[in-house]
Amino acid sequence: MTVTVSTDHPNLVRVRDAMAALADGDVEPTVALMAEDVVMVNDVGAGPWRELRGRDAVLGFWFAFAEFFGGTFAQEILAGWGFDDGVLLLIHEHGTTHGAVFDNRAVYQMLLGPDGRCTELRTMDMDRAAIEAFWGCALRAGEQ
């Protein structure tokens, strides 16, 4: 098996472009990148949104997450690697809600099908203690 890995792999370029468009409010490139039956498994950073199945569920999560953060949530790609069948990203995520600050680095693993669409996305949070404290504080403040 031959595996091509690169920081300018076409799969990585497509994902970077889709994420940049999403940050600018254009969801179409991201929608086009996702398989209809995509599975997203989130670590603790996603709070109550842990496992999502299907493109509509993933999009619903993103819109709910953006609303929860009142438009302050942002993601920056710190590093990325493209493969023939996937993409690996190191992301800095940050935002605020109810006076609580969300500041996390996460690893995103995207698996791509033969058609180049994302079939699975898994996230792993690196700043777990800070994120667990954030969710405890943000959810309590949101109940008040």
N, C-alpha and C. Protein backbone atom coordinates (compact mmCIF):
# COMPACT_ATOMS: atom_id res chain seq x y z
N MET A 1 0.84 -1.18 0.00
CA MET A 1 0.00 0.00 0.00
C MET A 1 0.88 1.24 0.00
N THR A 2 0.60 2.13 -0.90
CA THR A 2 1.31 3.39 -0.99
C THR A 2 0.47 4.47 -0.34
N VAL A 3 1.08 5.24 0.55
CA VAL A 3 0.38 6.33 1.23
C VAL A 3 1.12 7.62 0.96
N THR A 4 0.40 8.61 0.50
CA THR A 4 0.97 9.93 0.27
C THR A 4 0.56 10.83 1.42
N VAL A 5 1.55 11.41 2.09
CA VAL A 5 1.30 12.32 3.21
C VAL A 5 1.96 13.65 2.88
N SER A 6 1.25 14.74 3.11
CA SER A 6 1.84 16.02 2.80
C SER A 6 1.08 17.15 3.48
N THR A 7 1.79 18.26 3.66
CA THR A 7 1.14 19.45 4.23
C THR A 7 0.48 20.29 3.14
N ASP A 8 0.61 19.88 1.87
CA ASP A 8 -0.10 20.55 0.78
C ASP A 8 -0.88 19.54 -0.07
N HIS A 9 -1.23 18.42 0.55
CA HIS A 9 -2.01 17.38 -0.12
C HIS A 9 -3.35 17.98 -0.57
N PRO A 10 -3.87 17.59 -1.71
CA PRO A 10 -5.16 18.13 -2.18
C PRO A 10 -6.31 17.97 -1.18
N ASN A 11 -6.33 16.88 -0.43
CA ASN A 11 -7.39 16.71 0.57
C ASN A 11 -7.27 17.75 1.67
N LEU A 12 -6.06 18.04 2.10
CA LEU A 12 -5.85 19.06 3.13
C LEU A 12 -6.23 20.44 2.60
N VAL A 13 -5.87 20.72 1.37
CA VAL A 13 -6.20 22.01 0.77
C VAL A 13 -7.72 22.18 0.72
N ARG A 14 -8.46 21.14 0.32
CA ARG A 14 -9.93 21.22 0.27
C ARG A 14 -10.52 21.47 1.65
N VAL A 15 -9.99 20.78 2.67
CA VAL A 15 -10.50 20.96 4.03
C VAL A 15 -10.18 22.37 4.54
N ARG A 16 -8.97 22.83 4.31
CA ARG A 16 -8.61 24.20 4.72
C ARG A 16 -9.53 25.22 4.06
N ASP A 17 -9.77 25.06 2.75
CA ASP A 17 -10.62 25.99 2.03
C ASP A 17 -12.05 25.96 2.58
N ALA A 18 -12.56 24.76 2.87
CA ALA A 18 -13.92 24.63 3.41
C ALA A 18 -14.02 25.27 4.78
N MET A 19 -13.00 25.08 5.63
CA MET A 19 -13.03 25.68 6.96
C MET A 19 -12.92 27.20 6.89
N ALA A 20 -12.13 27.71 5.95
CA ALA A 20 -12.02 29.17 5.78
C ALA A 20 -13.36 29.74 5.32
N ALA A 21 -14.02 29.05 4.40
CA ALA A 21 -15.33 29.50 3.92
C ALA A 21 -16.35 29.48 5.06
N LEU A 22 -16.32 28.42 5.86
CA LEU A 22 -17.24 28.31 6.99
C LEU A 22 -17.03 29.47 7.98
N ALA A 23 -15.78 29.80 8.23
CA ALA A 23 -15.47 30.92 9.14
C ALA A 23 -16.02 32.24 8.59
N ASP A 24 -16.14 32.33 7.24
CA ASP A 24 -16.68 33.53 6.61
C ASP A 24 -18.20 33.46 6.43
N GLY A 25 -18.82 32.38 6.96
CA GLY A 25 -20.26 32.26 6.90
C GLY A 25 -20.80 31.47 5.72
N ASP A 26 -19.92 30.93 4.88
CA ASP A 26 -20.33 30.15 3.71
C ASP A 26 -20.26 28.66 4.05
N VAL A 27 -21.41 28.03 4.25
CA VAL A 27 -21.43 26.62 4.65
C VAL A 27 -21.36 25.66 3.46
N GLU A 28 -21.59 26.13 2.24
CA GLU A 28 -21.68 25.23 1.08
C GLU A 28 -20.44 24.36 0.87
N PRO A 29 -19.21 24.90 0.93
CA PRO A 29 -18.05 24.02 0.73
C PRO A 29 -17.95 22.92 1.79
N THR A 30 -18.36 23.23 3.02
CA THR A 30 -18.35 22.24 4.09
C THR A 30 -19.42 21.18 3.85
N VAL A 31 -20.60 21.61 3.44
CA VAL A 31 -21.67 20.66 3.13
C VAL A 31 -21.23 19.73 2.00
N ALA A 32 -20.61 20.29 0.97
CA ALA A 32 -20.14 19.49 -0.16
C ALA A 32 -19.06 18.50 0.24
N LEU A 33 -18.33 18.81 1.29
CA LEU A 33 -17.24 17.94 1.75
C LEU A 33 -17.75 16.75 2.57
N MET A 34 -18.96 16.84 3.12
CA MET A 34 -19.47 15.79 4.02
C MET A 34 -20.31 14.76 3.28
N ALA A 35 -20.07 13.49 3.60
CA ALA A 35 -20.95 12.43 3.13
C ALA A 35 -22.30 12.58 3.81
N GLU A 36 -23.35 12.14 3.17
CA GLU A 36 -24.70 12.23 3.74
C GLU A 36 -24.78 11.51 5.09
N ASP A 37 -24.06 10.37 5.20
CA ASP A 37 -24.11 9.56 6.42
C ASP A 37 -22.87 9.75 7.31
N VAL A 38 -22.26 10.92 7.25
CA VAL A 38 -21.08 11.22 8.06
C VAL A 38 -21.36 10.95 9.54
N VAL A 39 -20.32 10.49 10.23
CA VAL A 39 -20.38 10.28 11.68
C VAL A 39 -19.35 11.21 12.32
N MET A 40 -19.79 11.95 13.34
CA MET A 40 -18.90 12.85 14.07
C MET A 40 -18.91 12.44 15.53
N VAL A 41 -17.72 12.12 16.05
CA VAL A 41 -17.58 11.72 17.45
C VAL A 41 -16.69 12.76 18.12
N ASN A 42 -17.28 13.51 19.04
CA ASN A 42 -16.58 14.61 19.71
C ASN A 42 -16.08 14.20 21.09
N ASP A 43 -14.97 14.79 21.47
CA ASP A 43 -14.44 14.66 22.81
C ASP A 43 -15.19 15.64 23.71
N VAL A 44 -14.71 15.84 24.91
CA VAL A 44 -15.42 16.65 25.91
C VAL A 44 -15.61 18.11 25.50
N GLY A 45 -14.80 18.61 24.58
CA GLY A 45 -14.89 20.01 24.17
C GLY A 45 -16.22 20.39 23.57
N ALA A 46 -16.94 19.41 23.04
CA ALA A 46 -18.23 19.68 22.41
C ALA A 46 -19.37 19.67 23.42
N GLY A 47 -19.05 19.53 24.70
CA GLY A 47 -20.09 19.55 25.73
C GLY A 47 -21.10 18.45 25.53
N PRO A 48 -22.39 18.79 25.49
CA PRO A 48 -23.42 17.75 25.38
C PRO A 48 -23.54 17.15 23.98
N TRP A 49 -22.87 17.72 22.98
CA TRP A 49 -22.96 17.20 21.60
C TRP A 49 -21.80 16.24 21.35
N ARG A 50 -21.96 15.00 21.75
CA ARG A 50 -20.83 14.05 21.70
C ARG A 50 -20.80 13.20 20.43
N GLU A 51 -21.90 12.59 20.03
CA GLU A 51 -21.90 11.74 18.84
C GLU A 51 -23.06 12.13 17.94
N LEU A 52 -22.71 12.41 16.69
CA LEU A 52 -23.71 12.87 15.72
C LEU A 52 -23.64 11.97 14.49
N ARG A 53 -24.79 11.64 13.95
CA ARG A 53 -24.86 10.77 12.77
C ARG A 53 -25.67 11.45 11.68
N GLY A 54 -25.03 11.64 10.55
CA GLY A 54 -25.68 12.24 9.40
C GLY A 54 -25.33 13.71 9.24
N ARG A 55 -25.32 14.15 7.98
CA ARG A 55 -24.95 15.53 7.65
C ARG A 55 -25.85 16.54 8.35
N ASP A 56 -27.15 16.30 8.38
CA ASP A 56 -28.07 17.25 9.02
C ASP A 56 -27.79 17.39 10.50
N ALA A 57 -27.46 16.28 11.17
CA ALA A 57 -27.14 16.34 12.61
C ALA A 57 -25.87 17.13 12.85
N VAL A 58 -24.85 16.94 11.99
CA VAL A 58 -23.59 17.67 12.15
C VAL A 58 -23.82 19.16 11.91
N LEU A 59 -24.56 19.50 10.86
CA LEU A 59 -24.84 20.91 10.60
C LEU A 59 -25.65 21.53 11.74
N GLY A 60 -26.61 20.78 12.26
CA GLY A 60 -27.39 21.27 13.40
C GLY A 60 -26.52 21.54 14.60
N PHE A 61 -25.55 20.66 14.85
CA PHE A 61 -24.60 20.87 15.94
C PHE A 61 -23.82 22.15 15.72
N TRP A 62 -23.27 22.35 14.52
CA TRP A 62 -22.47 23.55 14.26
C TRP A 62 -23.28 24.82 14.49
N PHE A 63 -24.53 24.84 14.02
CA PHE A 63 -25.36 26.03 14.21
C PHE A 63 -25.69 26.24 15.69
N ALA A 64 -25.98 25.15 16.41
CA ALA A 64 -26.28 25.26 17.85
C ALA A 64 -25.05 25.72 18.62
N PHE A 65 -23.87 25.21 18.24
CA PHE A 65 -22.62 25.58 18.89
C PHE A 65 -22.36 27.07 18.67
N ALA A 66 -22.52 27.53 17.43
CA ALA A 66 -22.30 28.95 17.13
C ALA A 66 -23.27 29.83 17.91
N GLU A 67 -24.52 29.40 18.01
CA GLU A 67 -25.52 30.16 18.78
C GLU A 67 -25.17 30.17 20.27
N PHE A 68 -24.74 29.02 20.80
CA PHE A 68 -24.36 28.92 22.21
C PHE A 68 -23.26 29.94 22.55
N PHE A 69 -22.33 30.12 21.61
CA PHE A 69 -21.21 31.03 21.83
C PHE A 69 -21.50 32.45 21.35
N GLY A 70 -22.71 32.70 20.91
CA GLY A 70 -23.08 34.06 20.50
C GLY A 70 -22.20 34.63 19.41
N GLY A 71 -21.73 33.79 18.52
CA GLY A 71 -20.89 34.26 17.41
C GLY A 71 -19.43 34.47 17.75
N THR A 72 -19.00 34.12 18.98
CA THR A 72 -17.59 34.35 19.35
C THR A 72 -16.70 33.14 19.08
N PHE A 73 -17.30 31.98 18.78
CA PHE A 73 -16.50 30.77 18.58
C PHE A 73 -15.72 30.86 17.27
N ALA A 74 -14.44 30.49 17.33
CA ALA A 74 -13.59 30.48 16.13
C ALA A 74 -12.62 29.31 16.21
N GLN A 75 -12.19 28.88 15.05
CA GLN A 75 -11.21 27.81 14.94
C GLN A 75 -10.07 28.28 14.04
N GLU A 76 -8.85 27.95 14.44
CA GLU A 76 -7.67 28.25 13.63
C GLU A 76 -6.90 26.96 13.43
N ILE A 77 -6.53 26.67 12.21
CA ILE A 77 -5.71 25.49 11.93
C ILE A 77 -4.26 25.84 12.29
N LEU A 78 -3.72 25.12 13.27
CA LEU A 78 -2.32 25.32 13.67
C LEU A 78 -1.38 24.48 12.82
N ALA A 79 -1.84 23.30 12.43
CA ALA A 79 -1.04 22.41 11.58
C ALA A 79 -2.00 21.42 10.92
N GLY A 80 -1.60 20.91 9.79
CA GLY A 80 -2.44 19.93 9.10
C GLY A 80 -1.62 19.04 8.20
N TRP A 81 -2.12 17.83 8.03
CA TRP A 81 -1.48 16.85 7.18
C TRP A 81 -2.56 16.18 6.34
N GLY A 82 -2.29 16.03 5.06
CA GLY A 82 -3.24 15.38 4.18
C GLY A 82 -2.75 13.99 3.80
N PHE A 83 -3.68 13.10 3.67
CA PHE A 83 -3.42 11.72 3.26
C PHE A 83 -4.35 11.41 2.10
N ASP A 84 -4.11 10.30 1.42
CA ASP A 84 -4.98 9.91 0.33
C ASP A 84 -6.39 9.59 0.81
N ASP A 85 -6.52 9.17 2.07
CA ASP A 85 -7.84 8.79 2.59
C ASP A 85 -8.25 9.59 3.83
N GLY A 86 -7.63 10.73 4.04
CA GLY A 86 -8.02 11.50 5.21
C GLY A 86 -7.17 12.74 5.43
N VAL A 87 -7.50 13.41 6.53
CA VAL A 87 -6.81 14.64 6.93
C VAL A 87 -6.68 14.61 8.45
N LEU A 88 -5.56 15.08 8.94
CA LEU A 88 -5.31 15.23 10.37
C LEU A 88 -5.00 16.70 10.63
N LEU A 89 -5.74 17.30 11.57
CA LEU A 89 -5.58 18.72 11.86
C LEU A 89 -5.30 18.95 13.34
N LEU A 90 -4.49 19.94 13.63
CA LEU A 90 -4.34 20.47 14.98
C LEU A 90 -5.02 21.83 14.95
N ILE A 91 -6.05 21.99 15.77
CA ILE A 91 -6.92 23.16 15.73
C ILE A 91 -6.85 23.91 17.06
N HIS A 92 -6.86 25.23 17.01
CA HIS A 92 -7.05 26.06 18.20
C HIS A 92 -8.49 26.56 18.14
N GLU A 93 -9.27 26.22 19.15
CA GLU A 93 -10.67 26.62 19.24
C GLU A 93 -10.82 27.60 20.40
N HIS A 94 -11.60 28.66 20.18
CA HIS A 94 -11.79 29.60 21.28
C HIS A 94 -13.11 30.37 21.11
N GLY A 95 -13.64 30.81 22.23
CA GLY A 95 -14.86 31.59 22.25
C GLY A 95 -15.25 31.89 23.69
N THR A 96 -16.32 32.64 23.86
CA THR A 96 -16.82 32.95 25.21
C THR A 96 -18.34 32.84 25.22
N THR A 97 -18.87 32.48 26.38
CA THR A 97 -20.31 32.46 26.59
C THR A 97 -20.58 32.57 28.08
N HIS A 98 -21.57 33.33 28.44
CA HIS A 98 -21.96 33.49 29.85
C HIS A 98 -20.75 33.83 30.73
N GLY A 99 -19.80 34.59 30.19
CA GLY A 99 -18.62 34.99 30.95
C GLY A 99 -17.54 33.93 31.07
N ALA A 100 -17.79 32.75 30.51
CA ALA A 100 -16.80 31.66 30.56
C ALA A 100 -15.99 31.64 29.26
N VAL A 101 -14.70 31.43 29.39
CA VAL A 101 -13.80 31.42 28.24
C VAL A 101 -13.49 29.98 27.83
N PHE A 102 -13.71 29.70 26.57
CA PHE A 102 -13.39 28.40 25.96
C PHE A 102 -12.09 28.59 25.19
N ASP A 103 -11.06 27.82 25.56
CA ASP A 103 -9.76 27.93 24.90
C ASP A 103 -9.17 26.53 24.85
N ASN A 104 -9.08 25.96 23.67
CA ASN A 104 -8.74 24.55 23.53
C ASN A 104 -7.91 24.31 22.28
N ARG A 105 -7.03 23.36 22.39
CA ARG A 105 -6.37 22.80 21.21
C ARG A 105 -6.93 21.40 21.04
N ALA A 106 -7.23 21.05 19.81
CA ALA A 106 -7.82 19.74 19.54
C ALA A 106 -7.22 19.14 18.29
N VAL A 107 -7.19 17.82 18.27
CA VAL A 107 -6.77 17.07 17.09
C VAL A 107 -8.05 16.60 16.41
N TYR A 108 -8.15 16.86 15.11
CA TYR A 108 -9.29 16.41 14.31
C TYR A 108 -8.78 15.35 13.33
N GLN A 109 -9.43 14.21 13.33
CA GLN A 109 -9.11 13.16 12.37
C GLN A 109 -10.31 13.01 11.44
N MET A 110 -10.10 13.27 10.17
CA MET A 110 -11.16 13.14 9.17
C MET A 110 -10.83 11.98 8.25
N LEU A 111 -11.75 11.05 8.12
CA LEU A 111 -11.60 9.96 7.16
C LEU A 111 -12.44 10.29 5.94
N LEU A 112 -11.84 10.09 4.77
CA LEU A 112 -12.51 10.41 3.52
C LEU A 112 -12.80 9.14 2.73
N GLY A 113 -13.97 9.10 2.14
CA GLY A 113 -14.36 7.97 1.30
C GLY A 113 -13.72 8.08 -0.08
N PRO A 114 -13.96 7.09 -0.93
CA PRO A 114 -13.39 7.10 -2.28
C PRO A 114 -13.81 8.32 -3.11
N ASP A 115 -14.97 8.91 -2.77
CA ASP A 115 -15.44 10.10 -3.50
C ASP A 115 -14.86 11.39 -2.92
N GLY A 116 -14.00 11.28 -1.90
CA GLY A 116 -13.37 12.45 -1.31
C GLY A 116 -14.18 13.13 -0.24
N ARG A 117 -15.35 12.59 0.08
CA ARG A 117 -16.20 13.19 1.12
C ARG A 117 -15.86 12.61 2.49
N CYS A 118 -16.04 13.44 3.50
CA CYS A 118 -15.76 13.03 4.87
C CYS A 118 -16.82 12.04 5.34
N THR A 119 -16.37 10.85 5.73
CA THR A 119 -17.28 9.83 6.25
C THR A 119 -17.26 9.78 7.77
N GLU A 120 -16.15 10.24 8.35
CA GLU A 120 -16.02 10.21 9.81
C GLU A 120 -15.10 11.33 10.26
N LEU A 121 -15.53 12.00 11.33
CA LEU A 121 -14.72 13.04 11.97
C LEU A 121 -14.68 12.76 13.45
N ARG A 122 -13.48 12.64 13.99
CA ARG A 122 -13.28 12.42 15.42
C ARG A 122 -12.43 13.56 15.96
N THR A 123 -12.82 14.06 17.14
CA THR A 123 -12.04 15.12 17.77
C THR A 123 -11.46 14.62 19.09
N MET A 124 -10.28 15.10 19.40
CA MET A 124 -9.63 14.77 20.68
C MET A 124 -9.09 16.07 21.27
N ASP A 125 -9.59 16.42 22.43
CA ASP A 125 -9.20 17.67 23.08
C ASP A 125 -7.89 17.50 23.84
N MET A 126 -7.03 18.51 23.71
CA MET A 126 -5.73 18.46 24.38
C MET A 126 -5.76 19.16 25.73
N ASP A 127 -6.65 20.12 25.92
CA ASP A 127 -6.71 20.92 27.14
C ASP A 127 -7.93 20.49 27.97
N ARG A 128 -8.00 19.22 28.27
CA ARG A 128 -9.18 18.60 28.88
C ARG A 128 -9.60 19.25 30.20
N ALA A 129 -8.68 19.48 31.11
CA ALA A 129 -9.05 20.03 32.42
C ALA A 129 -9.69 21.42 32.26
N ALA A 130 -9.11 22.24 31.40
CA ALA A 130 -9.66 23.58 31.18
C ALA A 130 -11.04 23.49 30.52
N ILE A 131 -11.22 22.56 29.61
CA ILE A 131 -12.50 22.43 28.91
C ILE A 131 -13.57 21.88 29.84
N GLU A 132 -13.22 20.93 30.67
CA GLU A 132 -14.19 20.41 31.64
C GLU A 132 -14.62 21.52 32.60
N ALA A 133 -13.67 22.35 33.03
CA ALA A 133 -14.00 23.47 33.91
C ALA A 133 -14.89 24.48 33.17
N PHE A 134 -14.58 24.74 31.90
CA PHE A 134 -15.40 25.64 31.10
C PHE A 134 -16.84 25.17 31.05
N TRP A 135 -17.07 23.91 30.70
CA TRP A 135 -18.44 23.41 30.58
C TRP A 135 -19.19 23.45 31.90
N GLY A 136 -18.51 23.14 32.99
CA GLY A 136 -19.16 23.23 34.29
C GLY A 136 -19.61 24.65 34.57
N CYS A 137 -18.76 25.61 34.29
CA CYS A 137 -19.07 27.02 34.54
C CYS A 137 -20.12 27.54 33.54
N ALA A 138 -19.96 27.25 32.27
CA ALA A 138 -20.88 27.77 31.25
C ALA A 138 -22.27 27.20 31.39
N LEU A 139 -22.39 25.92 31.69
CA LEU A 139 -23.71 25.33 31.81
C LEU A 139 -24.43 25.83 33.07
N ARG A 140 -23.69 26.01 34.17
CA ARG A 140 -24.29 26.58 35.38
C ARG A 140 -24.77 28.00 35.12
N ALA A 141 -23.94 28.81 34.46
CA ALA A 141 -24.31 30.20 34.18
C ALA A 141 -25.51 30.27 33.23
N GLY A 142 -25.59 29.34 32.28
CA GLY A 142 -26.70 29.32 31.34
C GLY A 142 -28.02 28.93 32.00
N GLU A 143 -27.98 28.25 33.12
CA GLU A 143 -29.20 27.85 33.83
C GLU A 143 -29.78 29.00 34.63
N GLN A 144 -28.98 30.01 34.90
CA GLN A 144 -29.43 31.12 35.75
C GLN A 144 -30.24 32.12 34.98
